[in-house]
């Protein structure tokens, strides 16, 4: 059950004479999780922009460092998924910051470029966290995959910060690679994100995801699931209806994890974009 290991971690934190009990703390976390989920896109918005979709959103704790995002502008719409440093409370604070910054940027961009959105996101994240990129400071950051669609067009923009885009057509998976740097201080040299123009067809299935599923330990040898198996899984389920895709993905994750501890937040966001909205 989500939060079981968090309960174990907190057992020694509270004593009998604590003013705040573990029960109070867990109740607070549950309520924080409800607030965080209220910031995620509403089904009505997603249905208006996406022909089909599903979201497997499985926080490790009550709150999540992952988020998924949908935004409708005047002449475009944006679909994204983010994976913040850490999980639990620290990760959730970054995820709320990420959603807020995305809203702020896109509201001011009548015709946004995907890479420009990530460049502005990096500026805002580093400014908010007082990061300068010097050695020794906090390196909190956000990994993100972001797509911008123009209604009526079979071309879209993609930009990724450490998170790629997978597209499955007729059982064949195509990977649109991300830049190997986060939204935050770069490990080596800070460079602009790149903008990729991607053509697609009506029946292509898009997948945005965090690294929680491939990095999960489990199976008979307690190994990571890894990307090879994850790609194969998405290639297999892409032809299914969204509800069945979600069910198979979540059952596969549960079977692989077994009795092992969930190591990270997990998000898999699959969708087919609408051309006419």
Foldseek 3Di string as FASTA:
>chain_A
DAAPVVCVVCVVVDDPPDPADPVNVLVVLLVVLVVLVVLADDPVQCVVWFVAKDKDWFFNHNAFLKGWHWADADFKIKTKIKHWPDTRPVSRVVVVVLSVLLVVVVVPDNPDFALVSLVSLLVVVCVVLVHDQDPPDDFIFMWMWMWMDGAQDQKIKIETAQWWKWKADPLDIDIGDYPPHTSYRGPPDDDGIDIDIDGDDQLIKMKTWDCQQQQAFFDPVRHGNHDVNVSNLCSVCSVDHNVVSSVVSVVVSCRRCPPPRRDHIIMIMMTGTHNHD
